Every structure is written in C-alpha cells, then in structure tokens.
Amino acid sequence: MKKNEFKDRLFHVPNDMDNLPVQDIMADDKYNMVNVNLMHGTRFSVYVENCGKWFICEV
C-alpha cells in the first residue's frame, strides 16, 4: 500500500465512528500528518511515513 492511499484511508476512520466526538479532521500533506480535533478540545496528530514499522508518540 502506498503512503498516500494509507493517509486517505486513515482520514476516513474517525468519520466512520459514531461514538467518537470528532469536530474536525485536517490532512497536512506537506508534513504527512492527519490531525483529528475532538469536540472537547483534544487534538490527536498522526504522522504517516512508509518505513516498514509503526509507532505511536505522545507529543
């Protein structure tokens, strides 16, 4: 799977979840990030890189 296809699919995941209070989803192609803003003010950023491994960082 190519990186852009993965980012496109990742963009749709929060939209498909009815129980997640998503306010806004923004894709930043320049920095390979998907930012998910929730209704109560929390923001999660997902960095996407095709390097053969994955990890989650709290920043």
Protein backbone atom coordinates (compact mmCIF):
# COMPACT_ATOMS: atom_id res chain seq x y z
CA MET A 1 0.00 0.00 0.00
CA LYS A 2 1.34 3.43 -0.89
CA LYS A 3 1.66 6.20 1.71
CA ASN A 4 -1.00 8.46 0.15
CA GLU A 5 -3.52 5.62 -0.05
CA PHE A 6 -2.93 4.87 3.64
CA LYS A 7 -3.40 8.55 4.57
CA ASP A 8 -6.65 8.65 2.58
CA ARG A 9 -7.98 5.58 4.40
CA LEU A 10 -6.82 6.91 7.76
CA PHE A 11 -8.69 10.16 7.08
CA HIS A 12 -11.99 8.25 6.84
CA VAL A 13 -11.62 6.14 10.01
CA PRO A 14 -12.72 8.83 12.56
CA ASN A 15 -15.61 9.86 10.28
CA ASP A 16 -16.95 6.31 10.28
CA MET A 17 -17.01 6.04 14.09
CA ASP A 18 -20.34 7.20 15.52
CA ASN A 19 -19.20 7.22 19.16
CA LEU A 20 -16.12 9.44 18.63
CA PRO A 21 -16.92 13.17 19.10
CA VAL A 22 -14.95 14.42 16.07
CA GLN A 23 -15.14 18.14 15.45
CA ASP A 24 -12.72 18.39 12.52
CA ILE A 25 -10.20 16.30 10.57
CA MET A 26 -7.42 18.03 8.70
CA ALA A 27 -4.84 16.38 6.46
CA ASP A 28 -1.50 18.14 6.15
CA ASP A 29 0.16 16.60 3.09
CA LYS A 30 3.26 18.78 3.39
CA TYR A 31 4.14 17.24 6.78
CA ASN A 32 2.44 13.83 6.24
CA MET A 33 0.10 14.42 9.19
CA VAL A 34 -3.57 13.78 9.86
CA ASN A 35 -4.92 15.97 12.70
CA VAL A 36 -8.14 14.96 14.46
CA ASN A 37 -9.80 17.60 16.66
CA LEU A 38 -12.41 16.35 19.13
CA MET A 39 -15.42 18.30 20.42
CA HIS A 40 -13.97 18.86 23.90
CA GLY A 41 -10.72 20.40 22.61
CA THR A 42 -8.37 17.43 22.43
CA ARG A 43 -6.28 17.08 19.28
CA PHE A 44 -4.56 13.97 18.03
CA SER A 45 -1.94 14.11 15.27
CA VAL A 46 -0.93 11.04 13.29
CA TYR A 47 2.35 11.15 11.38
CA VAL A 48 2.45 8.85 8.36
CA GLU A 49 5.72 7.50 6.96
CA ASN A 50 6.34 4.44 4.84
CA CYS A 51 9.37 2.98 6.60
CA GLY A 52 8.37 -0.64 7.33
CA LYS A 53 7.49 -0.09 11.00
CA TRP A 54 4.98 1.83 13.08
CA PHE A 55 4.86 3.57 16.44
CA ILE A 56 2.68 5.98 18.40
CA CYS A 57 4.20 9.04 20.05
CA GLU A 58 2.67 11.37 22.58
CA VAL A 59 3.80 14.92 21.81
